[in-house]
PDB file of N, CA and C in Angstrom:
ATOM      1  N   UNK A   1      30.718 -33.199-227.629  1.00  0.00           N
ATOM      2  CA  UNK A   1      31.744 -32.754-226.717  1.00  0.00           C
ATOM      3  C   UNK A   1      32.851 -33.812-226.697  1.00  0.00           C
ATOM      4  N   UNK A   2      34.091 -33.396-226.921  1.00  0.00           N
ATOM      5  CA  UNK A   2      35.207 -34.340-226.973  1.00  0.00           C
ATOM      6  C   UNK A   2      35.575 -34.827-225.573  1.00  0.00           C
ATOM      7  N   UNK A   3      36.305 -35.932-225.530  1.00  0.00           N
ATOM      8  CA  UNK A   3      36.740 -36.461-224.240  1.00  0.00           C
ATOM      9  C   UNK A   3      37.678 -35.474-223.548  1.00  0.00           C
ATOM     10  N   UNK A   4      38.457 -34.737-224.311  1.00  0.00           N
ATOM     11  CA  UNK A   4      39.342 -33.715-223.745  1.00  0.00           C
ATOM     12  C   UNK A   4      38.512 -32.642-223.041  1.00  0.00           C
ATOM     13  N   UNK A   5      37.444 -32.196-223.689  1.00  0.00           N
ATOM     14  CA  UNK A   5      36.553 -31.207-223.077  1.00  0.00           C
ATOM     15  C   UNK A   5      35.881 -31.770-221.823  1.00  0.00           C
ATOM     16  N   UNK A   6      35.445 -33.022-221.895  1.00  0.00           N
ATOM     17  CA  UNK A   6      34.771 -33.642-220.758  1.00  0.00           C
ATOM     18  C   UNK A   6      35.700 -33.758-219.545  1.00  0.00           C
ATOM     19  N   UNK A   7      36.923 -34.200-219.775  1.00  0.00           N
ATOM     20  CA  UNK A   7      37.883 -34.326-218.679  1.00  0.00           C
ATOM     21  C   UNK A   7      38.220 -32.951-218.119  1.00  0.00           C
ATOM     22  N   UNK A   8      38.413 -31.976-219.001  1.00  0.00           N
ATOM     23  CA  UNK A   8      38.689 -30.616-218.542  1.00  0.00           C
ATOM     24  C   UNK A   8      37.572 -30.068-217.673  1.00  0.00           C
ATOM     25  N   UNK A   9      36.345 -30.246-218.090  1.00  0.00           N
ATOM     26  CA  UNK A   9      35.198 -29.779-217.312  1.00  0.00           C
ATOM     27  C   UNK A   9      35.158 -30.472-215.956  1.00  0.00           C
ATOM     28  N   UNK A  10      35.333 -31.790-215.954  1.00  0.00           N
ATOM     29  CA  UNK A  10      35.287 -32.585-214.730  1.00  0.00           C
ATOM     30  C   UNK A  10      36.351 -32.125-213.732  1.00  0.00           C
ATOM     31  N   UNK A  11      37.577 -31.940-214.209  1.00  0.00           N
ATOM     32  CA  UNK A  11      38.653 -31.510-213.316  1.00  0.00           C
ATOM     33  C   UNK A  11      38.443 -30.078-212.821  1.00  0.00           C
ATOM     34  N   UNK A  12      37.973 -29.191-213.694  1.00  0.00           N
ATOM     35  CA  UNK A  12      37.727 -27.801-213.280  1.00  0.00           C
ATOM     36  C   UNK A  12      36.678 -27.730-212.176  1.00  0.00           C
ATOM     37  N   UNK A  13      35.672 -28.584-212.262  1.00  0.00           N
ATOM     38  CA  UNK A  13      34.617 -28.587-211.245  1.00  0.00           C
ATOM     39  C   UNK A  13      35.116 -29.117-209.908  1.00  0.00           C
ATOM     40  N   UNK A  14      36.121 -29.976-209.922  1.00  0.00           N
ATOM     41  CA  UNK A  14      36.615 -30.593-208.693  1.00  0.00           C
ATOM     42  C   UNK A  14      37.899 -29.968-208.156  1.00  0.00           C
ATOM     43  N   UNK A  15      38.537 -29.141-208.966  1.00  0.00           N
ATOM     44  CA  UNK A  15      39.782 -28.477-208.557  1.00  0.00           C
ATOM     45  C   UNK A  15      39.646 -26.976-208.827  1.00  0.00           C
ATOM     46  N   UNK A  16      38.796 -26.281-208.092  1.00  0.00           N
ATOM     47  CA  UNK A  16      38.476 -24.882-208.421  1.00  0.00           C
ATOM     48  C   UNK A  16      39.648 -23.907-208.301  1.00  0.00           C
ATOM     49  N   UNK A  17      40.703 -24.260-207.603  1.00  0.00           N
ATOM     50  CA  UNK A  17      41.851 -23.361-207.468  1.00  0.00           C
ATOM     51  C   UNK A  17      42.850 -23.493-208.613  1.00  0.00           C
ATOM     52  N   UNK A  18      42.592 -24.429-209.539  1.00  0.00           N
ATOM     53  CA  UNK A  18      43.509 -24.687-210.646  1.00  0.00           C
ATOM     54  C   UNK A  18      42.856 -24.228-211.945  1.00  0.00           C
ATOM     55  N   UNK A  19      43.594 -23.468-212.750  1.00  0.00           N
ATOM     56  CA  UNK A  19      43.111 -23.056-214.065  1.00  0.00           C
ATOM     57  C   UNK A  19      43.229 -24.261-215.008  1.00  0.00           C
ATOM     58  N   UNK A  20      42.122 -24.666-215.633  1.00  0.00           N
ATOM     59  CA  UNK A  20      42.096 -25.839-216.499  1.00  0.00           C
ATOM     60  C   UNK A  20      41.857 -25.398-217.932  1.00  0.00           C
ATOM     61  N   UNK A  21      42.672 -25.924-218.858  1.00  0.00           N
ATOM     62  CA  UNK A  21      42.486 -25.627-220.279  1.00  0.00           C
ATOM     63  C   UNK A  21      42.544 -26.923-221.076  1.00  0.00           C
ATOM     64  N   UNK A  22      42.094 -26.860-222.287  1.00  0.00           N
ATOM     65  CA  UNK A  22      42.113 -28.005-223.182  1.00  0.00           C
ATOM     66  C   UNK A  22      42.931 -27.656-224.418  1.00  0.00           C
ATOM     67  N   UNK A  23      43.938 -28.480-224.706  1.00  0.00           N
ATOM     68  CA  UNK A  23      44.694 -28.339-225.942  1.00  0.00           C
ATOM     69  C   UNK A  23      45.846 -27.362-225.933  1.00  0.00           C
ATOM     70  N   UNK A  24      46.036 -26.597-224.872  1.00  0.00           N
ATOM     71  CA  UNK A  24      47.194 -25.718-224.786  1.00  0.00           C
ATOM     72  C   UNK A  24      47.484 -25.383-223.347  1.00  0.00           C
ATOM     73  N   UNK A  25      48.756 -25.154-223.054  1.00  0.00           N
ATOM     74  CA  UNK A  25      49.180 -24.752-221.719  1.00  0.00           C
ATOM     75  C   UNK A  25      49.332 -23.229-221.759  1.00  0.00           C
ATOM     76  N   UNK A  26      48.481 -22.507-221.041  1.00  0.00           N
ATOM     77  CA  UNK A  26      48.546 -21.047-221.090  1.00  0.00           C
ATOM     78  C   UNK A  26      49.813 -20.515-220.402  1.00  0.00           C
ATOM     79  N   UNK A  27      50.230 -19.325-220.794  1.00  0.00           N
ATOM     80  CA  UNK A  27      51.404 -18.704-220.190  1.00  0.00           C
ATOM     81  C   UNK A  27      51.157 -18.340-218.734  1.00  0.00           C
ATOM     82  N   UNK A  28      49.962 -17.971-218.391  1.00  0.00           N
ATOM     83  CA  UNK A  28      49.587 -17.603-217.026  1.00  0.00           C
ATOM     84  C   UNK A  28      48.233 -18.226-216.733  1.00  0.00           C
ATOM     85  N   UNK A  29      47.888 -18.495-215.525  1.00  0.00           N
ATOM     86  CA  UNK A  29      48.642 -18.305-214.296  1.00  0.00           C
ATOM     87  C   UNK A  29      49.659 -19.426-214.098  1.00  0.00           C
ATOM     88  N   UNK A  30      50.438 -19.331-213.013  1.00  0.00           N
ATOM     89  CA  UNK A  30      51.410 -20.379-212.705  1.00  0.00           C
ATOM     90  C   UNK A  30      50.708 -21.716-212.500  1.00  0.00           C
ATOM     91  N   UNK A  31      49.662 -21.711-211.690  1.00  0.00           N
ATOM     92  CA  UNK A  31      48.979 -22.949-211.306  1.00  0.00           C
ATOM     93  C   UNK A  31      47.898 -23.295-212.323  1.00  0.00           C
ATOM     94  N   UNK A  32      48.190 -24.295-213.144  1.00  0.00           N
ATOM     95  CA  UNK A  32      47.220 -24.682-214.169  1.00  0.00           C
ATOM     96  C   UNK A  32      47.471 -26.116-214.612  1.00  0.00           C
ATOM     97  N   UNK A  33      46.527 -26.616-215.371  1.00  0.00           N
ATOM     98  CA  UNK A  33      46.718 -27.902-216.032  1.00  0.00           C
ATOM     99  C   UNK A  33      46.071 -27.833-217.393  1.00  0.00           C
ATOM    100  N   UNK A  34      46.604 -28.630-218.312  1.00  0.00           N
ATOM    101  CA  UNK A  34      46.089 -28.675-219.674  1.00  0.00           C
ATOM    102  C   UNK A  34      45.847 -30.131-220.062  1.00  0.00           C
ATOM    103  N   UNK A  35      44.739 -30.372-220.747  1.00  0.00           N
ATOM    104  CA  UNK A  35      44.351 -31.714-221.165  1.00  0.00           C
ATOM    105  C   UNK A  35      44.566 -31.826-222.674  1.00  0.00           C
ATOM    106  N   UNK A  36      45.298 -32.854-223.093  1.00  0.00           N
ATOM    107  CA  UNK A  36      45.581 -33.110-224.504  1.00  0.00           C
ATOM    108  C   UNK A  36      45.121 -34.525-224.834  1.00  0.00           C
ATOM    109  N   UNK A  37      44.754 -34.780-226.081  1.00  0.00           N
ATOM    110  CA  UNK A  37      44.316 -36.121-226.444  1.00  0.00           C
ATOM    111  C   UNK A  37      44.704 -36.507-227.848  1.00  0.00           C
ATOM    112  N   UNK A  38      44.714 -37.825-228.108  1.00  0.00           N
ATOM    113  CA  UNK A  38      44.923 -38.350-229.451  1.00  0.00           C
ATOM    114  C   UNK A  38      44.129 -39.644-229.585  1.00  0.00           C
ATOM    115  N   UNK A  39      43.775 -39.966-230.806  1.00  0.00           N
ATOM    116  CA  UNK A  39      42.967 -41.159-231.028  1.00  0.00           C
ATOM    117  C   UNK A  39      41.662 -41.088-230.276  1.00  0.00           C
ATOM    118  N   UNK A  40      40.951 -39.971-230.432  1.00  0.00           N
ATOM    119  CA  UNK A  40      39.794 -39.680-229.586  1.00  0.00           C
ATOM    120  C   UNK A  40      38.480 -40.195-230.160  1.00  0.00           C
ATOM    121  N   UNK A  41      38.454 -41.434-230.564  1.00  0.00           N
ATOM    122  CA  UNK A  41      37.227 -42.047-231.065  1.00  0.00           C
ATOM    123  C   UNK A  41      36.605 -42.887-229.966  1.00  0.00           C
ATOM    124  N   UNK A  42      35.489 -42.410-229.421  1.00  0.00           N
ATOM    125  CA  UNK A  42      34.790 -43.175-228.378  1.00  0.00           C
ATOM    126  C   UNK A  42      34.434 -44.540-228.942  1.00  0.00           C
ATOM    127  N   UNK A  43      34.617 -45.549-228.163  1.00  0.00           N
ATOM    128  CA  UNK A  43      34.334 -46.904-228.599  1.00  0.00           C
ATOM    129  C   UNK A  43      35.533 -47.599-229.222  1.00  0.00           C
ATOM    130  N   UNK A  44      36.656 -46.896-229.369  1.00  0.00           N
ATOM    131  CA  UNK A  44      37.854 -47.512-229.939  1.00  0.00           C
ATOM    132  C   UNK A  44      38.299 -48.674-229.062  1.00  0.00           C
ATOM    133  N   UNK A  45      38.648 -49.762-229.691  1.00  0.00           N
ATOM    134  CA  UNK A  45      39.010 -50.984-228.966  1.00  0.00           C
ATOM    135  C   UNK A  45      40.162 -50.769-227.979  1.00  0.00           C
ATOM    136  N   UNK A  46      41.124 -49.961-228.355  1.00  0.00           N
ATOM    137  CA  UNK A  46      42.297 -49.738-227.507  1.00  0.00           C
ATOM    138  C   UNK A  46      42.178 -48.469-226.668  1.00  0.00           C
ATOM    139  N   UNK A  47      41.019 -47.846-226.676  1.00  0.00           N
ATOM    140  CA  UNK A  47      40.787 -46.660-225.869  1.00  0.00           C
ATOM    141  C   UNK A  47      41.361 -45.395-226.486  1.00  0.00           C
ATOM    142  N   UNK A  48      41.136 -44.306-225.792  1.00  0.00           N
ATOM    143  CA  UNK A  48      41.619 -42.995-226.216  1.00  0.00           C
ATOM    144  C   UNK A  48      42.781 -42.603-225.323  1.00  0.00           C
ATOM    145  N   UNK A  49      43.800 -42.016-225.925  1.00  0.00           N
ATOM    146  CA  UNK A  49      44.982 -41.612-225.162  1.00  0.00           C
ATOM    147  C   UNK A  49      44.846 -40.150-224.771  1.00  0.00           C
ATOM    148  N   UNK A  50      45.038 -39.889-223.488  1.00  0.00           N
ATOM    149  CA  UNK A  50      44.915 -38.526-222.957  1.00  0.00           C
ATOM    150  C   UNK A  50      46.131 -38.239-222.092  1.00  0.00           C
ATOM    151  N   UNK A  51      46.683 -37.034-222.256  1.00  0.00           N
ATOM    152  CA  UNK A  51      47.773 -36.578-221.400  1.00  0.00           C
ATOM    153  C   UNK A  51      47.318 -35.322-220.689  1.00  0.00           C
ATOM    154  N   UNK A  52      47.625 -35.256-219.405  1.00  0.00           N
ATOM    155  CA  UNK A  52      47.331 -34.064-218.624  1.00  0.00           C
ATOM    156  C   UNK A  52      48.666 -33.523-218.121  1.00  0.00           C
ATOM    157  N   UNK A  53      48.977 -32.299-218.514  1.00  0.00           N
ATOM    158  CA  UNK A  53      50.184 -31.629-218.031  1.00  0.00           C
ATOM    159  C   UNK A  53      49.775 -30.670-216.934  1.00  0.00           C
ATOM    160  N   UNK A  54      50.503 -30.724-215.825  1.00  0.00           N
ATOM    161  CA  UNK A  54      50.182 -29.932-214.646  1.00  0.00           C
ATOM    162  C   UNK A  54      51.372 -29.028-214.333  1.00  0.00           C
ATOM    163  N   UNK A  55      51.083 -27.754-214.086  1.00  0.00           N
ATOM    164  CA  UNK A  55      52.147 -26.807-213.761  1.00  0.00           C
ATOM    165  C   UNK A  55      51.810 -26.089-212.463  1.00  0.00           C
ATOM    166  N   UNK A  56      52.841 -25.804-211.694  1.00  0.00           N
ATOM    167  CA  UNK A  56      52.690 -25.040-210.460  1.00  0.00           C
ATOM    168  C   UNK A  56      53.690 -23.909-210.426  1.00  0.00           C
ATOM    169  N   UNK A  57      54.006 -23.461-209.247  1.00  0.00           N
ATOM    170  CA  UNK A  57      55.020 -22.417-209.118  1.00  0.00           C
ATOM    171  C   UNK A  57      56.406 -23.071-209.140  1.00  0.00           C
ATOM    172  N   UNK A  58      57.419 -22.375-208.648  1.00  0.00           N
ATOM    173  CA  UNK A  58      58.773 -22.924-208.715  1.00  0.00           C
ATOM    174  C   UNK A  58      59.099 -23.905-207.590  1.00  0.00           C
ATOM    175  N   UNK A  59      58.161 -24.131-206.672  1.00  0.00           N
ATOM    176  CA  UNK A  59      58.368 -25.148-205.637  1.00  0.00           C
ATOM    177  C   UNK A  59      57.837 -26.480-206.149  1.00  0.00           C
ATOM    178  N   UNK A  60      58.442 -27.588-205.762  1.00  0.00           N
ATOM    179  CA  UNK A  60      57.991 -28.873-206.292  1.00  0.00           C
ATOM    180  C   UNK A  60      56.635 -29.342-205.767  1.00  0.00           C
ATOM    181  N   UNK A  61      56.197 -28.845-204.635  1.00  0.00           N
ATOM    182  CA  UNK A  61      54.995 -29.365-204.003  1.00  0.00           C
ATOM    183  C   UNK A  61      53.686 -29.059-204.696  1.00  0.00           C
ATOM    184  N   UNK A  62      53.516 -27.853-205.207  1.00  0.00           N
ATOM    185  CA  UNK A  62      52.219 -27.466-205.784  1.00  0.00           C
ATOM    186  C   UNK A  62      51.862 -28.323-206.991  1.00  0.00           C
ATOM    187  N   UNK A  63      52.738 -28.386-207.984  1.00  0.00           N
ATOM    188  CA  UNK A  63      52.434 -29.143-209.197  1.00  0.00           C
ATOM    189  C   UNK A  63      52.298 -30.631-208.902  1.00  0.00           C
ATOM    190  N   UNK A  64      53.163 -31.162-208.048  1.00  0.00           N
ATOM    191  CA  UNK A  64      53.063 -32.579-207.705  1.00  0.00           C
ATOM    192  C   UNK A  64      51.742 -32.878-207.007  1.00  0.00           C
ATOM    193  N   UNK A  65      51.349 -32.047-206.069  1.00  0.00           N
ATOM    194  CA  UNK A  65      50.074 -32.243-205.381  1.00  0.00           C
ATOM    195  C   UNK A  65      48.896 -32.207-206.333  1.00  0.00           C
ATOM    196  N   UNK A  66      48.901 -31.250-207.267  1.00  0.00           N
ATOM    197  CA  UNK A  66      47.812 -31.163-208.238  1.00  0.00           C
ATOM    198  C   UNK A  66      47.816 -32.359-209.193  1.00  0.00           C
ATOM    199  N   UNK A  67      49.001 -32.833-209.572  1.00  0.00           N
ATOM    200  CA  UNK A  67      49.085 -34.009-210.446  1.00  0.00           C
ATOM    201  C   UNK A  67      48.571 -35.252-209.723  1.00  0.00           C
ATOM    202  N   UNK A  68      48.916 -35.387-208.449  1.00  0.00           N
ATOM    203  CA  UNK A  68      48.421 -36.524-207.672  1.00  0.00           C
ATOM    204  C   UNK A  68      46.905 -36.468-207.503  1.00  0.00           C
ATOM    205  N   UNK A  69      46.367 -35.286-207.255  1.00  0.00           N
ATOM    206  CA  UNK A  69      44.908 -35.134-207.146  1.00  0.00           C
ATOM    207  C   UNK A  69      44.240 -35.496-208.461  1.00  0.00           C
ATOM    208  N   UNK A  70      44.804 -35.044-209.571  1.00  0.00           N
ATOM    209  CA  UNK A  70      44.275 -35.356-210.901  1.00  0.00           C
ATOM    210  C   UNK A  70      44.231 -36.867-211.109  1.00  0.00           C
ATOM    211  N   UNK A  71      45.329 -37.543-210.794  1.00  0.00           N
ATOM    212  CA  UNK A  71      45.387 -38.993-210.963  1.00  0.00           C
ATOM    213  C   UNK A  71      44.366 -39.689-210.067  1.00  0.00           C
ATOM    214  N   UNK A  72      44.234 -39.241-208.827  1.00  0.00           N
ATOM    215  CA  UNK A  72      43.270 -39.850-207.897  1.00  0.00           C
ATOM    216  C   UNK A  72      41.835 -39.676-208.384  1.00  0.00           C
ATOM    217  N   UNK A  73      41.522 -38.499-208.939  1.00  0.00           N
ATOM    218  CA  UNK A  73      40.162 -38.246-209.422  1.00  0.00           C
ATOM    219  C   UNK A  73      39.798 -39.116-210.624  1.00  0.00           C
ATOM    220  N   UNK A  74      40.789 -39.424-211.459  1.00  0.00           N
ATOM    221  CA  UNK A  74      40.495 -40.122-212.709  1.00  0.00           C
ATOM    222  C   UNK A  74      40.803 -41.608-212.699  1.00  0.00           C
ATOM    223  N   UNK A  75      41.682 -42.064-211.826  1.00  0.00           N
ATOM    224  CA  UNK A  75      42.074 -43.468-211.817  1.00  0.00           C
ATOM    225  C   UNK A  75      40.876 -44.375-211.564  1.00  0.00           C
ATOM    226  N   UNK A  76      40.648 -45.307-212.481  1.00  0.00           N
ATOM    227  CA  UNK A  76      39.551 -46.280-212.399  1.00  0.00           C
ATOM    228  C   UNK A  76      38.170 -45.630-212.450  1.00  0.00           C
ATOM    229  N   UNK A  77      38.080 -44.421-212.979  1.00  0.00           N
ATOM    230  CA  UNK A  77      36.790 -43.726-213.086  1.00  0.00           C
ATOM    231  C   UNK A  77      35.866 -44.514-214.008  1.00  0.00           C
ATOM    232  N   UNK A  78      34.590 -44.559-213.640  1.00  0.00           N
ATOM    233  CA  UNK A  78      33.528 -45.107-214.486  1.00  0.00           C
ATOM    234  C   UNK A  78      32.310 -44.239-214.302  1.00  0.00           C
ATOM    235  N   UNK A  79      31.676 -43.836-215.407  1.00  0.00           N
ATOM    236  CA  UNK A  79      30.472 -43.018-215.340  1.00  0.00           C
ATOM    237  C   UNK A  79      30.541 -41.878-216.326  1.00  0.00           C
ATOM    238  N   UNK A  80      29.798 -40.828-216.029  1.00  0.00           N
ATOM    239  CA  UNK A  80      29.771 -39.647-216.885  1.00  0.00           C
ATOM    240  C   UNK A  80      30.669 -38.559-216.314  1.00  0.00           C
ATOM    241  N   UNK A  81      31.520 -38.016-217.154  1.00  0.00           N
ATOM    242  CA  UNK A  81      32.336 -36.867-216.769  1.00  0.00           C
ATOM    243  C   UNK A  81      31.546 -35.577-216.925  1.00  0.00           C
ATOM    244  N   UNK A  82      30.598 -35.586-217.844  1.00  0.00           N
ATOM    245  CA  UNK A  82      29.750 -34.435-218.152  1.00  0.00           C
ATOM    246  C   UNK A  82      28.412 -34.971-218.638  1.00  0.00           C
ATOM    247  N   UNK A  83      27.338 -34.289-218.321  1.00  0.00           N
ATOM    248  CA  UNK A  83      25.996 -34.761-218.700  1.00  0.00           C
ATOM    249  C   UNK A  83      25.843 -34.961-220.208  1.00  0.00           C
ATOM    250  N   UNK A  84      26.544 -34.174-221.015  1.00  0.00           N
ATOM    251  CA  UNK A  84      26.456 -34.286-222.471  1.00  0.00           C
ATOM    252  C   UNK A  84      27.553 -35.165-223.062  1.00  0.00           C
ATOM    253  N   UNK A  85      28.258 -35.888-222.230  1.00  0.00           N
ATOM    254  CA  UNK A  85      29.405 -36.663-222.703  1.00  0.00           C
ATOM    255  C   UNK A  85      29.099 -38.136-222.898  1.00  0.00           C
ATOM    256  N   UNK A  86      30.132 -38.850-223.313  1.00  0.00           N
ATOM    257  CA  UNK A  86      30.061 -40.294-223.490  1.00  0.00           C
ATOM    258  C   UNK A  86      30.126 -40.979-222.125  1.00  0.00           C
ATOM    259  N   UNK A  87      29.531 -42.157-222.048  1.00  0.00           N
ATOM    260  CA  UNK A  87      29.655 -42.939-220.832  1.00  0.00           C
ATOM    261  C   UNK A  87      31.053 -43.552-220.808  1.00  0.00           C
ATOM    262  N   UNK A  88      31.787 -43.303-219.736  1.00  0.00           N
ATOM    263  CA  UNK A  88      33.144 -43.808-219.589  1.00  0.00           C
ATOM    264  C   UNK A  88      33.075 -45.162-218.894  1.00  0.00           C
ATOM    265  N   UNK A  89      33.616 -46.192-219.546  1.00  0.00           N
ATOM    266  CA  UNK A  89      33.599 -47.520-218.934  1.00  0.00           C
ATOM    267  C   UNK A  89      34.818 -47.744-218.042  1.00  0.00           C
ATOM    268  N   UNK A  90      35.914 -47.041-218.332  1.00  0.00           N
ATOM    269  CA  UNK A  90      37.097 -47.155-217.459  1.00  0.00           C
ATOM    270  C   UNK A  90      38.159 -46.151-217.870  1.00  0.00           C
ATOM    271  N   UNK A  91      38.831 -45.603-216.866  1.00  0.00           N
ATOM    272  CA  UNK A  91      40.012 -44.772-217.079  1.00  0.00           C
ATOM    273  C   UNK A  91      41.180 -45.474-216.408  1.00  0.00           C
ATOM    274  N   UNK A  92      42.237 -45.686-217.159  1.00  0.00           N
ATOM    275  CA  UNK A  92      43.441 -46.309-216.625  1.00  0.00           C
ATOM    276  C   UNK A  92      44.572 -45.288-216.614  1.00  0.00           C
ATOM    277  N   UNK A  93      45.301 -45.209-215.520  1.00  0.00           N
ATOM    278  CA  UNK A  93      46.502 -44.389-215.472  1.00  0.00           C
ATOM    279  C   UNK A  93      47.614 -45.221-216.097  1.00  0.00           C
ATOM    280  N   UNK A  94      48.148 -44.768-217.218  1.00  0.00           N
ATOM    281  CA  UNK A  94      49.240 -45.498-217.867  1.00  0.00           C
ATOM    282  C   UNK A  94      50.593 -45.118-217.295  1.00  0.00           C
ATOM    283  N   UNK A  95      50.746 -43.848-216.916  1.00  0.00           N
ATOM    284  CA  UNK A  95      51.986 -43.412-216.276  1.00  0.00           C
ATOM    285  C   UNK A  95      51.750 -42.100-215.549  1.00  0.00           C
ATOM    286  N   UNK A  96      52.573 -41.900-214.539  1.00  0.00           N
ATOM    287  CA  UNK A  96      52.526 -40.656-213.810  1.00  0.00           C
ATOM    288  C   UNK A  96      51.780 -40.776-212.497  1.00  0.00           C
ATOM    289  N   UNK A  97      51.828 -39.686-211.771  1.00  0.00           N
ATOM    290  CA  UNK A  97      52.430 -38.415-212.131  1.00  0.00           C
ATOM    291  C   UNK A  97      53.957 -38.527-212.279  1.00  0.00           C
ATOM    292  N   UNK A  98      54.446 -37.962-213.376  1.00  0.00           N
ATOM    293  CA  UNK A  98      55.866 -37.972-213.692  1.00  0.00           C
ATOM    294  C   UNK A  98      56.372 -36.549-213.829  1.00  0.00           C
ATOM    295  N   UNK A  99      57.497 -36.270-213.203  1.00  0.00           N
ATOM    296  CA  UNK A  99      58.110 -34.944-213.316  1.00  0.00           C
ATOM    297  C   UNK A  99      58.684 -34.807-214.716  1.00  0.00           C
ATOM    298  N   UNK A 100      58.310 -33.750-215.424  1.00  0.00           N
ATOM    299  CA  UNK A 100      58.817 -33.543-216.781  1.00  0.00           C
ATOM    300  C   UNK A 100      59.726 -32.323-216.873  1.00  0.00           C
ATOM    301  N   UNK A 101      60.073 -31.757-215.720  1.00  0.00           N
ATOM    302  CA  UNK A 101      61.018 -30.648-215.717  1.00  0.00           C
ATOM    303  C   UNK A 101      60.360 -29.333-215.352  1.00  0.00           C
ATOM    304  N   UNK A 102      61.016 -28.268-215.779  1.00  0.00           N
ATOM    305  CA  UNK A 102      60.525 -26.912-215.528  1.00  0.00           C
ATOM    306  C   UNK A 102      60.336 -26.199-216.853  1.00  0.00           C
ATOM    307  N   UNK A 103      59.450 -25.210-216.864  1.00  0.00           N
ATOM    308  CA  UNK A 103      59.274 -24.414-218.074  1.00  0.00           C
ATOM    309  C   UNK A 103      60.304 -23.279-218.090  1.00  0.00           C
ATOM    310  N   UNK A 104      60.186 -22.377-219.053  1.00  0.00           N
ATOM    311  CA  UNK A 104      61.152 -21.287-219.209  1.00  0.00           C
ATOM    312  C   UNK A 104      61.145 -20.318-218.030  1.00  0.00           C
ATOM    313  N   UNK A 105      60.111 -20.388-217.194  1.00  0.00           N
ATOM    314  CA  UNK A 105      60.025 -19.525-216.012  1.00  0.00           C
ATOM    315  C   UNK A 105      60.332 -20.285-214.724  1.00  0.00           C
ATOM    316  N   UNK A 106      60.943 -21.460-214.866  1.00  0.00           N
ATOM    317  CA  UNK A 106      61.345 -22.305-213.730  1.00  0.00           C
ATOM    318  C   UNK A 106      60.170 -22.831-212.916  1.00  0.00           C
ATOM    319  N   UNK A 107      58.992 -22.913-213.538  1.00  0.00           N
ATOM    320  CA  UNK A 107      57.818 -23.482-212.885  1.00  0.00           C
ATOM    321  C   UNK A 107      57.816 -24.993-213.106  1.00  0.00           C
ATOM    322  N   UNK A 108      57.551 -25.740-212.045  1.00  0.00           N
ATOM    323  CA  UNK A 108      57.568 -27.202-212.085  1.00  0.00           C
ATOM    324  C   UNK A 108      56.407 -27.740-212.923  1.00  0.00           C
ATOM    325  N   UNK A 109      56.680 -28.818-213.688  1.00  0.00           N
ATOM    326  CA  UNK A 109      55.642 -29.446-214.496  1.00  0.00           C
ATOM    327  C   UNK A 109      55.652 -30.969-214.298  1.00  0.00           C
ATOM    328  N   UNK A 110      54.462 -31.521-214.282  1.00  0.00           N
ATOM    329  CA  UNK A 110      54.260 -32.963-214.159  1.00  0.00           C
ATOM    330  C   UNK A 110      53.301 -33.418-215.255  1.00  0.00           C
ATOM    331  N   UNK A 111      53.311 -34.710-215.527  1.00  0.00           N
ATOM    332  CA  UNK A 111      52.447 -35.281-216.541  1.00  0.00           C
ATOM    333  C   UNK A 111      51.754 -36.519-215.988  1.00  0.00           C
ATOM    334  N   UNK A 112      50.483 -36.689-216.385  1.00  0.00           N
ATOM    335  CA  UNK A 112      49.716 -37.902-216.087  1.00  0.00           C
ATOM    336  C   UNK A 112      49.170 -38.391-217.425  1.00  0.00           C
ATOM    337  N   UNK A 113      49.461 -39.639-217.773  1.00  0.00           N
ATOM    338  CA  UNK A 113      49.001 -40.211-219.035  1.00  0.00           C
ATOM    339  C   UNK A 113      47.922 -41.244-218.766  1.00  0.00           C
ATOM    340  N   UNK A 114      46.833 -41.132-219.516  1.00  0.00           N
ATOM    341  CA  UNK A 114      45.643 -41.960-219.312  1.00  0.00           C
ATOM    342  C   UNK A 114      45.271 -42.730-220.564  1.00  0.00           C
ATOM    343  N   UNK A 115      44.552 -43.810-220.362  1.00  0.00           N
ATOM    344  CA  UNK A 115      43.857 -44.513-221.433  1.00  0.00           C
ATOM    345  C   UNK A 115      42.397 -44.506-221.022  1.00  0.00           C
ATOM    346  N   UNK A 116      41.529 -43.952-221.878  1.00  0.00           N
ATOM    347  CA  UNK A 116      40.117 -43.793-221.553  1.00  0.00           C
ATOM    348  C   UNK A 116      39.293 -44.661-222.491  1.00  0.00           C
ATOM    349  N   UNK A 117      38.443 -45.481-221.904  1.00  0.00           N
ATOM    350  CA  UNK A 117      37.543 -46.342-222.665  1.00  0.00           C
ATOM    351  C   UNK A 117      36.123 -45.811-222.483  1.00  0.00           C
ATOM    352  N   UNK A 118      35.417 -45.618-223.604  1.00  0.00           N
ATOM    353  CA  UNK A 118      34.080 -45.036-223.556  1.00  0.00           C
ATOM    354  C   UNK A 118      33.169 -45.694-224.579  1.00  0.00           C
ATOM    355  N   UNK A 119      31.886 -45.642-224.285  1.00  0.00           N
ATOM    356  CA  UNK A 119      30.874 -46.112-225.228  1.00  0.00           C
ATOM    357  C   UNK A 119      30.729 -45.083-226.340  1.00  0.00           C
ATOM    358  N   UNK A 120      30.505 -45.537-227.574  1.00  0.00           N
ATOM    359  CA  UNK A 120      30.324 -44.573-228.680  1.00  0.00           C
ATOM    360  C   UNK A 120      29.038 -43.784-228.563  1.00  0.00           C
TER     361      UNK A 120
END
């Protein structure tokens, strides 16, 4: 199970009102988040880079609130995100929540960028 899948599962279990996907931002529903990753080798010296994009409706509050909750859940996390996953030694918030604009339907979007360190 990839770190992207593990983070997606973890967030979906803790944010049941938000649609969570891995690797793509779905067209619907309005309220969702998507987890993307690069350099996803557990045990990498410099960690794995993960971006979480959060979308809400056209008001600024929904997406910002969900992005802040996402950051709070993951900041300084240590442990297992999923029973079948890698042991996470630390999650660092590198940036965000940052407003990245609106999509083509004027829905607000935010981004949270992470560095994840895990045992191989």
